[in-house]
Protein backbone atom coordinates (compact mmCIF):
# COMPACT_ATOMS: atom_id res chain seq x y z
CA UNK A 1 -9.41 -16.59 5.72
CA UNK A 2 -7.98 -15.19 8.91
CA UNK A 3 -7.35 -11.86 7.18
CA UNK A 4 -10.90 -11.52 6.25
CA UNK A 5 -12.35 -12.23 9.92
CA UNK A 6 -9.62 -9.35 10.93
CA UNK A 7 -11.04 -6.95 8.67
CA UNK A 8 -14.91 -7.89 9.44
CA UNK A 9 -13.76 -7.47 12.88
CA UNK A 10 -12.31 -4.09 12.30
CA UNK A 11 -15.25 -2.94 10.47
CA UNK A 12 -17.56 -3.86 13.38
CA UNK A 13 -15.46 -2.52 15.58
CA UNK A 14 -15.26 0.98 14.23
CA UNK A 15 -18.82 0.86 13.76
CA UNK A 16 -19.16 0.11 17.75
CA UNK A 17 -16.67 3.15 18.03
CA UNK A 18 -18.70 5.40 16.03
CA UNK A 19 -21.80 4.83 18.14
CA UNK A 20 -20.16 5.40 21.49
CA UNK A 21 -19.84 9.19 22.85
CA UNK A 22 -19.13 10.40 26.15
CA UNK A 23 -18.11 13.80 27.44
CA UNK A 24 -15.35 14.35 30.05
CA UNK A 25 -14.04 17.80 31.24
CA UNK A 26 -12.71 19.74 27.93
CA UNK A 27 -12.10 16.37 25.94
CA UNK A 28 -14.99 15.18 24.15
CA UNK A 29 -14.78 11.21 24.81
CA UNK A 30 -15.26 9.39 21.25
CA UNK A 31 -13.93 5.91 20.66
CA UNK A 32 -14.20 6.63 16.95
CA UNK A 33 -11.46 9.21 17.59
CA UNK A 34 -9.22 6.16 17.70
CA UNK A 35 -9.92 4.89 14.57
CA UNK A 36 -6.47 6.05 12.97
CA UNK A 37 -4.93 3.39 15.49
CA UNK A 38 -6.95 0.40 14.31
CA UNK A 39 -4.20 -1.10 12.12
CA UNK A 40 -1.56 -0.70 15.12
CA UNK A 41 -3.59 -2.23 17.44
CA UNK A 42 -4.69 -5.46 15.31
CA UNK A 43 -1.54 -6.04 13.63
CA UNK A 44 2.32 -5.24 14.01
CA UNK A 45 2.25 -1.81 12.12
CA UNK A 46 3.67 0.88 13.98
CA UNK A 47 1.38 3.62 14.93
CA UNK A 48 1.34 6.56 12.99
CA UNK A 49 1.83 10.23 14.14
CA UNK A 50 -2.16 10.82 13.98
CA UNK A 51 -2.96 7.50 15.84
CA UNK A 52 -0.42 8.69 18.71
CA UNK A 53 -1.72 12.14 18.89
CA UNK A 54 -5.37 10.57 19.36
CA UNK A 55 -4.22 8.35 21.96
CA UNK A 56 -2.92 11.34 23.99
CA UNK A 57 -5.94 13.41 23.28
CA UNK A 58 -8.14 10.26 24.17
CA UNK A 59 -6.20 9.66 27.33
CA UNK A 60 -8.59 11.11 29.96
CA UNK A 61 -11.23 8.62 28.25
CA UNK A 62 -9.67 5.21 28.22
CA UNK A 63 -10.72 4.26 31.70
CA UNK A 64 -14.43 4.80 30.46
CA UNK A 65 -13.68 2.90 27.35
CA UNK A 66 -12.32 -0.15 29.44
CA UNK A 67 -15.30 -0.10 31.72
CA UNK A 68 -17.21 -0.83 28.20
CA UNK A 69 -17.50 -4.29 27.44
CA UNK A 70 -17.92 -3.68 23.71
CA UNK A 71 -14.75 -1.65 23.62
CA UNK A 72 -12.76 -3.51 26.33
CA UNK A 73 -11.79 -6.20 24.24
CA UNK A 74 -10.20 -3.68 21.74
CA UNK A 75 -8.53 -1.73 24.19
CA UNK A 76 -7.41 -3.89 26.77
CA UNK A 77 -4.94 -6.23 24.69
CA UNK A 78 -1.13 -6.18 24.54
CA UNK A 79 -1.16 -4.46 21.19
CA UNK A 80 -3.07 -1.66 22.43
CA UNK A 81 -0.54 -1.60 25.35
CA UNK A 82 2.24 -1.61 23.12
CA UNK A 83 1.10 1.24 20.71
CA UNK A 84 0.24 3.32 23.84
CA UNK A 85 4.28 2.72 24.97
CA UNK A 86 5.49 3.34 21.67
CA UNK A 87 3.24 6.70 21.62
CA UNK A 88 4.50 7.82 25.09
CA UNK A 89 1.15 7.49 26.60
CA UNK A 90 1.36 5.47 29.94
CA UNK A 91 -1.69 3.13 29.92
CA UNK A 92 -4.07 3.88 32.62
CA UNK A 93 -4.84 2.05 35.91
CA UNK A 94 -8.32 2.25 36.30
């Protein structure tokens, strides 16, 4: 039962992320770009190389994502901090 809630939550999260697009400098901020990290953030799965490259690419956008109430619940978590640390990307101080 708990797994089904996690799957539904993940699907909703990906849909919300796919609708968010904001541009900052040379990086196109798109939370959907972090979708390769969903399994690492929602479970204890180690982040993939693709996840790490996307976190590094989207790092300039993380403060914007943290200010968005729809995304904050996903990004401002202990697992998200652990994934960022594992990928060698410091978690932003906004």
